Amino acid sequence: MGVILTLFYGFVGLVVLFLIFVYAVSIGIDNSKQVKALRSELKEIKNQLKDLDENVK
């Protein structure tokens, strides 16, 4: 009986660790997408500022 419970708790532990890992990876992917979006927005703003600066001169 003890061996069966040990195997059951071990399996449940592995499932929980897997779910935590999957959640962490998905959060990391979402954050990297946000960073890429912010970088592209900053590049656009930088280009617009260059254009404005050239138009003022």
Protein backbone atom coordinates (compact mmCIF):
# COMPACT_ATOMS: atom_id res chain seq x y z
CA MET A 1 0.00 0.00 0.00
CA GLY A 2 2.83 2.40 0.84
CA VAL A 3 4.52 1.82 -2.52
CA ILE A 4 1.31 2.62 -4.39
CA LEU A 5 0.84 5.86 -2.45
CA THR A 6 4.47 6.81 -3.05
CA LEU A 7 4.09 6.25 -6.78
CA PHE A 8 0.81 8.17 -6.83
CA TYR A 9 2.24 11.17 -4.97
CA GLY A 10 5.34 11.09 -7.16
CA PHE A 11 3.20 11.12 -10.29
CA VAL A 12 1.05 13.97 -8.95
CA GLY A 13 4.22 15.89 -8.09
CA LEU A 14 5.57 15.46 -11.60
CA VAL A 15 2.29 16.63 -13.10
CA VAL A 16 2.31 19.74 -10.89
CA LEU A 17 5.93 20.50 -11.84
CA PHE A 18 5.06 20.08 -15.52
CA LEU A 19 2.11 22.47 -15.23
CA ILE A 20 4.25 25.06 -13.42
CA PHE A 21 6.90 24.73 -16.14
CA VAL A 22 4.36 25.15 -18.95
CA TYR A 23 2.84 28.20 -17.22
CA ALA A 24 6.27 29.81 -16.73
CA VAL A 25 7.23 29.24 -20.37
CA SER A 26 3.95 30.71 -21.62
CA ILE A 27 4.43 33.80 -19.44
CA GLY A 28 7.97 34.16 -20.78
CA ILE A 29 6.77 33.94 -24.38
CA ASP A 30 4.08 36.57 -23.72
CA ASN A 31 6.67 38.89 -22.17
CA SER A 32 9.06 38.49 -25.10
CA LYS A 33 6.24 39.38 -27.52
CA GLN A 34 5.50 42.51 -25.49
CA VAL A 35 9.18 43.47 -25.51
CA LYS A 36 9.34 43.06 -29.29
CA ALA A 37 6.22 45.19 -29.70
CA LEU A 38 7.67 47.91 -27.48
CA ARG A 39 10.94 47.89 -29.42
CA SER A 40 9.13 48.31 -32.72
CA GLU A 41 7.06 51.16 -31.27
CA LEU A 42 10.20 52.86 -29.98
CA LYS A 43 11.83 52.55 -33.42
CA GLU A 44 8.76 54.14 -35.00
CA ILE A 45 8.82 57.00 -32.49
CA LYS A 46 12.55 57.48 -33.10
CA ASN A 47 11.98 57.67 -36.86
CA GLN A 48 9.14 60.14 -36.38
CA LEU A 49 11.35 62.32 -34.18
CA LYS A 50 14.08 62.26 -36.84
CA ASP A 51 11.55 63.30 -39.47
CA LEU A 52 10.27 66.12 -37.28
CA ASP A 53 13.81 67.28 -36.58
CA GLU A 54 14.64 67.30 -40.30
CA ASN A 55 11.45 69.23 -41.09
CA VAL A 56 12.26 71.87 -38.48
CA LYS A 57 15.73 72.54 -39.92
